[in-house]
N, C-alpha and C. Protein backbone atom coordinates (compact mmCIF):
# COMPACT_ATOMS: atom_id res chain seq x y z
N MET A 1 -17.26 -17.74 23.86
CA MET A 1 -17.00 -18.86 23.04
C MET A 1 -15.87 -19.75 23.67
N LEU A 2 -14.86 -19.00 24.06
CA LEU A 2 -13.70 -19.69 24.72
C LEU A 2 -14.09 -20.42 26.01
N ARG A 3 -15.04 -19.86 26.79
CA ARG A 3 -15.45 -20.56 27.97
C ARG A 3 -16.25 -21.73 27.63
N GLN A 4 -17.03 -21.71 26.61
CA GLN A 4 -17.80 -22.97 26.17
C GLN A 4 -16.98 -24.10 25.83
N LEU A 5 -15.79 -23.72 25.04
CA LEU A 5 -14.82 -24.69 24.67
C LEU A 5 -14.11 -25.26 25.79
N GLU A 6 -13.75 -24.38 26.80
CA GLU A 6 -13.02 -24.89 28.01
C GLU A 6 -13.90 -25.78 28.87
N ARG A 7 -15.33 -25.53 28.83
CA ARG A 7 -16.15 -26.35 29.60
C ARG A 7 -16.28 -27.75 28.93
N GLN A 8 -16.20 -27.80 27.60
CA GLN A 8 -16.33 -29.00 26.90
C GLN A 8 -14.96 -29.82 26.95
N GLY A 9 -13.96 -29.23 27.64
CA GLY A 9 -12.76 -30.09 27.73
C GLY A 9 -11.68 -29.67 26.59
N VAL A 10 -11.99 -28.74 25.79
CA VAL A 10 -11.03 -28.40 24.65
C VAL A 10 -10.10 -27.36 25.28
N GLU A 11 -8.81 -27.66 25.23
CA GLU A 11 -7.85 -26.68 25.81
C GLU A 11 -7.36 -25.79 24.67
N ILE A 12 -7.50 -24.50 24.94
CA ILE A 12 -7.17 -23.40 24.04
C ILE A 12 -5.82 -22.80 24.41
N MET A 13 -4.75 -23.06 23.55
CA MET A 13 -3.46 -22.50 23.85
C MET A 13 -3.34 -21.05 23.55
N ASP A 14 -3.91 -20.63 22.47
CA ASP A 14 -3.88 -19.28 22.08
C ASP A 14 -5.22 -18.87 21.59
N ASN A 15 -5.54 -17.56 21.37
CA ASN A 15 -6.81 -17.11 21.01
C ASN A 15 -6.92 -16.74 19.57
N LEU A 16 -6.12 -17.40 18.76
CA LEU A 16 -6.17 -17.19 17.30
C LEU A 16 -7.29 -17.90 16.67
N ILE A 17 -8.23 -17.17 16.09
CA ILE A 17 -9.43 -17.94 15.42
C ILE A 17 -9.36 -17.51 14.02
N ALA A 18 -10.08 -18.45 13.26
CA ALA A 18 -10.24 -18.19 11.88
C ALA A 18 -11.82 -17.92 11.64
N ILE A 19 -12.12 -17.05 10.88
CA ILE A 19 -13.60 -16.64 10.58
C ILE A 19 -13.91 -16.82 9.14
N VAL A 20 -14.83 -17.51 8.76
CA VAL A 20 -15.19 -17.84 7.43
C VAL A 20 -16.63 -17.33 7.20
N ARG A 21 -16.74 -16.55 6.18
CA ARG A 21 -18.07 -16.07 5.80
C ARG A 21 -18.82 -17.13 4.96
N VAL A 22 -20.08 -17.50 5.38
CA VAL A 22 -20.78 -18.59 4.83
C VAL A 22 -21.80 -18.10 3.87
N ARG A 23 -22.48 -17.05 4.24
CA ARG A 23 -23.71 -16.52 3.37
C ARG A 23 -23.36 -15.25 2.60
N GLY A 24 -24.00 -15.01 1.52
CA GLY A 24 -23.92 -13.82 0.77
C GLY A 24 -24.53 -12.58 1.37
N TRP A 25 -24.65 -11.55 0.44
CA TRP A 25 -25.05 -10.27 1.04
C TRP A 25 -26.51 -9.97 0.80
N PHE A 26 -27.21 -10.73 -0.14
CA PHE A 26 -28.56 -10.37 -0.56
C PHE A 26 -29.51 -10.36 0.66
N GLY A 27 -30.19 -9.29 0.87
CA GLY A 27 -31.17 -9.09 1.97
C GLY A 27 -30.53 -8.86 3.31
N MET A 28 -29.27 -8.59 3.44
CA MET A 28 -28.48 -8.43 4.60
C MET A 28 -28.81 -7.01 5.26
N ASN A 29 -28.88 -6.84 6.44
CA ASN A 29 -28.85 -5.64 7.14
C ASN A 29 -27.60 -4.94 6.89
N PRO A 30 -27.56 -3.60 6.58
CA PRO A 30 -26.40 -2.95 6.20
C PRO A 30 -25.38 -2.83 7.39
N ARG A 31 -25.79 -2.91 8.66
CA ARG A 31 -24.89 -2.98 9.87
C ARG A 31 -24.15 -4.31 9.82
N ARG A 32 -24.82 -5.37 9.42
CA ARG A 32 -24.09 -6.60 9.40
C ARG A 32 -23.07 -6.59 8.23
N ARG A 33 -23.38 -6.02 7.11
CA ARG A 33 -22.49 -5.98 6.02
C ARG A 33 -21.31 -5.13 6.37
N ASP A 34 -21.48 -4.01 7.09
CA ASP A 34 -20.32 -3.24 7.40
C ASP A 34 -19.44 -4.01 8.44
N THR A 35 -20.05 -4.85 9.37
CA THR A 35 -19.27 -5.50 10.28
C THR A 35 -18.49 -6.69 9.66
N LEU A 36 -18.98 -7.34 8.58
CA LEU A 36 -18.38 -8.30 7.84
C LEU A 36 -17.18 -7.72 7.16
N GLU A 37 -17.34 -6.41 6.64
CA GLU A 37 -16.31 -5.82 5.95
C GLU A 37 -15.14 -5.35 6.91
N MET A 38 -15.56 -5.03 8.13
CA MET A 38 -14.59 -4.57 9.11
C MET A 38 -13.77 -5.88 9.54
N LEU A 39 -14.44 -7.11 9.38
CA LEU A 39 -13.67 -8.25 9.83
C LEU A 39 -12.86 -8.81 8.56
N ASN A 40 -12.81 -8.08 7.52
CA ASN A 40 -12.09 -8.42 6.26
C ASN A 40 -12.55 -9.69 5.64
N ILE A 41 -13.87 -9.90 5.56
CA ILE A 41 -14.44 -10.93 4.91
C ILE A 41 -15.60 -10.48 4.05
N PRO A 42 -15.39 -9.76 2.97
CA PRO A 42 -16.38 -9.13 2.22
C PRO A 42 -17.20 -9.99 1.34
N ARG A 43 -16.80 -11.27 1.04
CA ARG A 43 -17.55 -12.13 0.18
C ARG A 43 -17.63 -13.56 0.87
N SER A 44 -18.53 -14.30 0.36
CA SER A 44 -18.76 -15.67 0.92
C SER A 44 -17.51 -16.50 0.57
N ASN A 45 -17.23 -17.49 1.45
CA ASN A 45 -16.08 -18.40 1.32
C ASN A 45 -14.79 -17.54 1.46
N ASN A 46 -14.72 -16.42 2.06
CA ASN A 46 -13.54 -15.68 2.41
C ASN A 46 -13.20 -16.06 3.92
N CYS A 47 -11.94 -15.95 4.21
CA CYS A 47 -11.52 -16.32 5.51
C CYS A 47 -10.56 -15.31 6.06
N THR A 48 -10.50 -15.02 7.35
CA THR A 48 -9.54 -14.19 7.97
C THR A 48 -9.06 -14.76 9.30
N LEU A 49 -7.94 -14.40 9.75
CA LEU A 49 -7.32 -14.76 11.06
C LEU A 49 -7.30 -13.56 11.91
N VAL A 50 -7.88 -13.78 13.18
CA VAL A 50 -7.75 -12.74 14.14
C VAL A 50 -7.48 -13.23 15.51
N HIS A 51 -7.00 -12.44 16.36
CA HIS A 51 -6.74 -12.78 17.77
C HIS A 51 -7.99 -12.31 18.55
N LEU A 52 -8.68 -13.22 19.19
CA LEU A 52 -9.92 -12.90 19.85
C LEU A 52 -9.74 -11.97 21.03
N ASN A 53 -10.53 -10.88 21.07
CA ASN A 53 -10.63 -9.94 22.17
C ASN A 53 -12.11 -9.48 22.24
N GLU A 54 -12.39 -8.61 23.27
CA GLU A 54 -13.74 -8.22 23.46
C GLU A 54 -14.46 -7.64 22.31
N SER A 55 -13.76 -6.70 21.55
CA SER A 55 -14.36 -6.12 20.45
C SER A 55 -14.75 -7.13 19.39
N TYR A 56 -13.80 -8.09 19.06
CA TYR A 56 -14.08 -9.18 18.14
C TYR A 56 -15.25 -10.02 18.60
N LYS A 57 -15.39 -10.30 19.88
CA LYS A 57 -16.48 -11.07 20.40
C LYS A 57 -17.84 -10.38 20.05
N GLY A 58 -17.92 -9.02 20.17
CA GLY A 58 -19.11 -8.35 19.88
C GLY A 58 -19.39 -8.40 18.35
N MET A 59 -18.37 -8.34 17.55
CA MET A 59 -18.53 -8.33 16.12
C MET A 59 -19.02 -9.72 15.66
N LEU A 60 -18.47 -10.84 16.34
CA LEU A 60 -18.95 -12.12 15.97
C LEU A 60 -20.43 -12.34 16.44
N HIS A 61 -20.73 -11.80 17.52
CA HIS A 61 -22.13 -11.87 17.94
C HIS A 61 -23.06 -11.30 16.86
N ASP A 62 -22.64 -10.18 16.25
CA ASP A 62 -23.49 -9.45 15.26
C ASP A 62 -23.61 -10.32 13.98
N VAL A 63 -22.52 -11.06 13.63
CA VAL A 63 -22.58 -11.70 12.32
C VAL A 63 -22.71 -13.28 12.46
N LYS A 64 -23.27 -13.67 13.64
CA LYS A 64 -23.46 -15.12 13.90
C LYS A 64 -24.24 -15.79 12.89
N ASP A 65 -25.17 -15.08 12.18
CA ASP A 65 -26.09 -15.68 11.26
C ASP A 65 -25.51 -15.70 9.79
N TYR A 66 -24.20 -15.28 9.59
CA TYR A 66 -23.59 -15.08 8.34
C TYR A 66 -22.20 -15.77 8.27
N ALA A 67 -21.57 -16.10 9.40
CA ALA A 67 -20.23 -16.61 9.48
C ALA A 67 -20.12 -17.76 10.39
N THR A 68 -19.01 -18.49 10.31
CA THR A 68 -18.59 -19.52 11.29
C THR A 68 -17.16 -19.19 11.70
N TRP A 69 -16.84 -19.50 12.95
CA TRP A 69 -15.46 -19.28 13.44
C TRP A 69 -15.08 -20.37 14.53
N GLY A 70 -13.73 -20.41 14.66
CA GLY A 70 -13.19 -21.29 15.75
C GLY A 70 -11.82 -21.19 15.73
N PRO A 71 -11.07 -21.82 16.74
CA PRO A 71 -9.65 -21.74 16.89
C PRO A 71 -8.97 -22.56 15.81
N VAL A 72 -7.78 -22.18 15.58
CA VAL A 72 -6.93 -22.88 14.44
C VAL A 72 -5.56 -23.06 14.88
N GLY A 73 -4.95 -24.10 14.45
CA GLY A 73 -3.65 -24.48 14.97
C GLY A 73 -2.51 -23.90 14.09
N GLU A 74 -1.21 -23.86 14.63
CA GLU A 74 -0.10 -23.26 13.88
C GLU A 74 0.12 -24.03 12.57
N LYS A 75 0.11 -25.42 12.59
CA LYS A 75 0.33 -26.11 11.30
C LYS A 75 -0.69 -25.81 10.18
N PHE A 76 -1.87 -25.55 10.70
CA PHE A 76 -2.92 -25.27 9.60
C PHE A 76 -2.69 -23.77 9.17
N VAL A 77 -2.30 -22.90 10.08
CA VAL A 77 -1.96 -21.52 9.54
C VAL A 77 -0.87 -21.53 8.58
N GLU A 78 0.11 -22.39 8.74
CA GLU A 78 1.22 -22.54 7.74
C GLU A 78 0.62 -23.05 6.41
N LYS A 79 -0.21 -24.03 6.49
CA LYS A 79 -0.85 -24.60 5.31
C LYS A 79 -1.65 -23.51 4.58
N LEU A 80 -2.40 -22.85 5.39
CA LEU A 80 -3.27 -21.74 4.70
C LEU A 80 -2.43 -20.75 3.99
N LEU A 81 -1.29 -20.35 4.62
CA LEU A 81 -0.37 -19.36 4.05
C LEU A 81 0.25 -20.01 2.75
N MET A 82 0.59 -21.16 2.83
CA MET A 82 1.24 -21.73 1.57
C MET A 82 0.27 -21.90 0.39
N LYS A 83 -0.94 -22.28 0.66
CA LYS A 83 -1.87 -22.59 -0.35
C LYS A 83 -2.70 -21.37 -0.77
N ARG A 84 -3.05 -20.50 0.08
CA ARG A 84 -3.99 -19.41 -0.20
C ARG A 84 -3.52 -17.99 0.19
N GLY A 85 -2.30 -17.97 0.75
CA GLY A 85 -1.77 -16.58 1.08
C GLY A 85 -1.34 -15.81 -0.10
N SER A 86 -1.41 -14.43 0.10
CA SER A 86 -1.09 -13.53 -0.96
C SER A 86 -0.49 -12.25 -0.39
N VAL A 87 0.24 -11.53 -1.29
CA VAL A 87 0.90 -10.27 -0.90
C VAL A 87 0.48 -9.36 -2.06
N ASN A 88 -0.34 -8.34 -1.81
CA ASN A 88 -0.79 -7.38 -2.80
C ASN A 88 -1.48 -8.03 -4.01
N GLY A 89 -2.16 -9.09 -3.74
CA GLY A 89 -2.84 -9.90 -4.75
C GLY A 89 -1.99 -10.90 -5.52
N LYS A 90 -0.74 -11.05 -5.19
CA LYS A 90 0.09 -12.12 -5.81
C LYS A 90 0.30 -13.18 -4.77
N ARG A 91 0.45 -14.39 -5.28
CA ARG A 91 0.62 -15.63 -4.43
C ARG A 91 1.79 -15.45 -3.50
N LEU A 92 1.69 -15.83 -2.31
CA LEU A 92 2.72 -15.76 -1.34
C LEU A 92 3.96 -16.63 -1.69
N THR A 93 3.62 -17.82 -2.26
CA THR A 93 4.73 -18.73 -2.61
C THR A 93 5.60 -18.24 -3.72
N LEU A 94 5.02 -17.28 -4.54
CA LEU A 94 5.97 -16.73 -5.57
C LEU A 94 6.88 -15.68 -5.10
N THR A 95 6.55 -15.04 -3.98
CA THR A 95 7.37 -13.97 -3.40
C THR A 95 8.24 -14.39 -2.27
N LYS A 96 7.88 -15.40 -1.55
CA LYS A 96 8.56 -15.90 -0.28
C LYS A 96 8.96 -17.28 -0.36
N SER A 97 10.01 -17.68 0.33
CA SER A 97 10.47 -19.09 0.34
C SER A 97 9.63 -19.89 1.45
N ALA A 98 9.61 -21.15 1.52
CA ALA A 98 9.00 -21.94 2.42
C ALA A 98 9.42 -21.63 3.86
N GLU A 99 10.62 -21.29 4.11
CA GLU A 99 11.13 -21.02 5.50
C GLU A 99 10.63 -19.74 5.86
N GLU A 100 10.47 -18.70 5.09
CA GLU A 100 9.90 -17.36 5.38
C GLU A 100 8.44 -17.60 5.64
N ILE A 101 7.74 -18.41 5.05
CA ILE A 101 6.38 -18.65 5.25
C ILE A 101 6.11 -19.20 6.53
N LYS A 102 7.02 -20.20 7.01
CA LYS A 102 6.96 -20.83 8.32
C LYS A 102 7.15 -19.82 9.43
N LYS A 103 8.08 -18.89 9.13
CA LYS A 103 8.33 -17.87 10.06
C LYS A 103 7.14 -16.85 10.26
N ILE A 104 6.57 -16.55 9.11
CA ILE A 104 5.30 -15.70 9.21
C ILE A 104 4.15 -16.46 9.97
N ALA A 105 4.00 -17.69 9.64
CA ALA A 105 3.04 -18.46 10.53
C ALA A 105 3.20 -18.45 11.98
N LYS A 106 4.50 -18.58 12.39
CA LYS A 106 4.80 -18.38 13.82
C LYS A 106 4.55 -17.14 14.39
N GLU A 107 4.89 -16.09 13.62
CA GLU A 107 4.59 -14.80 14.04
C GLU A 107 3.09 -14.48 14.26
N ILE A 108 2.33 -15.04 13.33
CA ILE A 108 0.76 -14.82 13.33
C ILE A 108 0.26 -15.51 14.55
N VAL A 109 0.82 -16.81 14.84
CA VAL A 109 0.33 -17.48 15.96
C VAL A 109 0.81 -16.87 17.26
N GLY A 110 1.89 -16.26 17.25
CA GLY A 110 2.44 -15.62 18.39
C GLY A 110 1.86 -14.34 18.75
N GLY A 111 1.03 -13.68 17.92
CA GLY A 111 0.37 -12.54 18.37
C GLY A 111 0.18 -11.42 17.35
N LYS A 112 1.09 -11.50 16.18
CA LYS A 112 0.91 -10.50 15.25
C LYS A 112 -0.30 -10.75 14.34
N THR A 113 -0.71 -9.64 13.64
CA THR A 113 -1.71 -9.80 12.63
C THR A 113 -1.08 -10.20 11.30
N PRO A 114 -1.82 -10.67 10.39
CA PRO A 114 -1.28 -10.83 9.05
C PRO A 114 -0.86 -9.66 8.39
N LYS A 115 -1.50 -8.51 8.56
CA LYS A 115 -1.15 -7.18 7.99
C LYS A 115 0.27 -6.80 8.56
N GLU A 116 0.49 -7.01 9.83
CA GLU A 116 1.78 -6.66 10.39
C GLU A 116 2.87 -7.56 9.81
N CYS A 117 2.56 -8.75 9.36
CA CYS A 117 3.57 -9.60 8.78
C CYS A 117 3.67 -9.41 7.29
N GLY A 118 2.92 -8.50 6.68
CA GLY A 118 3.05 -8.18 5.31
C GLY A 118 2.24 -9.04 4.40
N VAL A 119 1.19 -9.77 4.92
CA VAL A 119 0.38 -10.70 4.16
C VAL A 119 -1.04 -10.03 4.07
N ASP A 120 -1.73 -10.30 3.01
CA ASP A 120 -3.08 -9.89 2.83
C ASP A 120 -3.95 -10.56 3.95
N ARG A 121 -4.90 -9.86 4.49
CA ARG A 121 -5.71 -10.34 5.59
C ARG A 121 -6.80 -11.27 5.26
N THR A 122 -7.21 -11.19 3.98
CA THR A 122 -8.30 -12.07 3.49
C THR A 122 -7.74 -13.23 2.68
N PHE A 123 -8.26 -14.34 2.97
CA PHE A 123 -7.84 -15.56 2.26
C PHE A 123 -9.11 -16.04 1.44
N ARG A 124 -8.93 -16.12 0.01
CA ARG A 124 -10.06 -16.50 -0.82
C ARG A 124 -10.06 -18.08 -0.97
N LEU A 125 -11.14 -18.79 -0.42
CA LEU A 125 -11.19 -20.15 -0.37
C LEU A 125 -12.30 -20.60 -1.37
N THR A 126 -12.29 -21.88 -1.63
CA THR A 126 -13.41 -22.51 -2.40
C THR A 126 -14.42 -22.98 -1.45
N PRO A 127 -15.67 -23.28 -1.93
CA PRO A 127 -16.66 -23.91 -1.06
C PRO A 127 -16.14 -25.22 -0.63
N PRO A 128 -16.65 -25.67 0.55
CA PRO A 128 -16.12 -26.95 1.12
C PRO A 128 -16.52 -28.09 0.22
N SER A 129 -15.64 -29.05 0.01
CA SER A 129 -16.05 -30.26 -0.89
C SER A 129 -16.98 -30.98 -0.03
N GLY A 130 -18.12 -31.32 -0.78
CA GLY A 130 -19.23 -31.97 -0.20
C GLY A 130 -20.39 -30.90 0.18
N GLY A 131 -20.07 -29.74 0.04
CA GLY A 131 -20.94 -28.60 0.24
C GLY A 131 -21.18 -28.26 1.63
N TRP A 132 -22.01 -27.22 1.93
CA TRP A 132 -22.31 -26.79 3.25
C TRP A 132 -23.47 -27.71 3.75
N LYS A 133 -23.59 -27.91 5.02
CA LYS A 133 -24.59 -28.67 5.60
C LYS A 133 -25.92 -27.91 5.51
N ASP A 134 -25.99 -26.72 6.19
CA ASP A 134 -27.14 -25.84 6.10
C ASP A 134 -26.65 -24.43 6.31
N LYS A 135 -26.83 -23.59 5.51
CA LYS A 135 -26.35 -22.20 5.60
C LYS A 135 -27.29 -21.28 6.51
N LYS A 136 -28.38 -21.88 6.91
CA LYS A 136 -29.40 -21.03 7.77
C LYS A 136 -29.46 -21.47 9.17
N GLN A 137 -28.80 -22.52 9.60
CA GLN A 137 -28.91 -22.92 10.97
C GLN A 137 -27.48 -22.99 11.62
N THR A 138 -27.48 -22.86 12.92
CA THR A 138 -26.28 -22.90 13.61
C THR A 138 -25.77 -24.37 14.01
N LYS A 139 -24.54 -24.45 14.54
CA LYS A 139 -24.15 -25.79 14.81
C LYS A 139 -24.99 -26.40 15.93
N PRO A 140 -25.19 -27.60 16.06
CA PRO A 140 -24.77 -28.75 15.27
C PRO A 140 -25.57 -29.10 14.03
N LYS A 141 -26.71 -28.52 13.82
CA LYS A 141 -27.55 -28.77 12.65
C LYS A 141 -27.05 -28.22 11.41
N GLY A 142 -26.51 -26.99 11.49
CA GLY A 142 -26.00 -26.27 10.28
C GLY A 142 -24.59 -25.88 10.51
N ASP A 143 -24.12 -24.90 9.75
CA ASP A 143 -22.73 -24.53 9.58
C ASP A 143 -22.40 -23.17 10.21
N LEU A 144 -23.39 -22.42 10.76
CA LEU A 144 -23.09 -21.11 11.26
C LEU A 144 -22.67 -21.17 12.71
N GLY A 145 -22.09 -20.14 13.20
CA GLY A 145 -21.69 -20.09 14.59
C GLY A 145 -20.32 -20.53 14.99
N SER A 146 -20.00 -20.74 16.26
CA SER A 146 -18.76 -21.15 16.72
C SER A 146 -18.56 -22.70 16.59
N ARG A 147 -17.34 -23.03 16.36
CA ARG A 147 -16.92 -24.50 16.24
C ARG A 147 -15.72 -24.76 17.24
N GLU A 148 -15.53 -25.97 17.51
CA GLU A 148 -14.52 -26.44 18.38
C GLU A 148 -13.21 -26.24 17.71
N SER A 149 -13.06 -26.57 16.39
CA SER A 149 -11.91 -26.41 15.57
C SER A 149 -12.20 -26.18 14.17
N MET A 150 -11.53 -25.17 13.52
CA MET A 150 -11.79 -24.92 12.23
C MET A 150 -10.90 -25.72 11.12
N ASP A 151 -10.02 -26.48 11.74
CA ASP A 151 -9.00 -27.26 10.93
C ASP A 151 -9.73 -28.09 10.03
N VAL A 152 -10.78 -28.79 10.31
CA VAL A 152 -11.43 -29.85 9.49
C VAL A 152 -12.20 -29.07 8.34
N LEU A 153 -12.93 -28.07 8.73
CA LEU A 153 -13.73 -27.36 7.67
C LEU A 153 -12.71 -26.65 6.71
N LEU A 154 -11.68 -25.98 7.24
CA LEU A 154 -10.78 -25.27 6.27
C LEU A 154 -9.96 -26.21 5.43
N ALA A 155 -9.74 -27.44 5.86
CA ALA A 155 -9.00 -28.37 5.05
C ALA A 155 -9.74 -28.78 3.84
N THR A 156 -11.18 -28.82 3.98
CA THR A 156 -12.04 -29.10 2.79
C THR A 156 -12.22 -27.92 1.92
N MET A 157 -11.86 -26.63 2.35
CA MET A 157 -11.94 -25.51 1.54
C MET A 157 -10.66 -25.01 0.88
N ILE A 158 -9.55 -25.51 1.28
CA ILE A 158 -8.27 -25.21 0.56
C ILE A 158 -8.26 -25.90 -0.59
């Protein structure tokens, strides 16, 4: 995925990606369901942040028909934490100040996982405003598979 983006001229500073589950579980192969749970996206419209490596590439290949993913910027990670971040099921903004949330966002972009920063790994989002284009086809006709940037999609889901 990163090589495709580099060939298209998109410069990737870090390998932090956001993964959003698009489709539900009905009729899904149990192996795919387990992979989605390992990625911490157990339900549709859930999102998680991961640093891309070889094992995650294999997992994304397995769930390409059920999820969409792409790189995400630091400002958007901060916005995601402010609006949808949680700690043990409680809103992050109720337990931490804005400066602490900015620090957590920098740590996540810097290489730490949300769990290491004390934040829940799954972000519960709403469906995108305007709806999904097509839940059964990959990009560019539908919504599944890799994207150049997740910022536009996630902005409509927050």
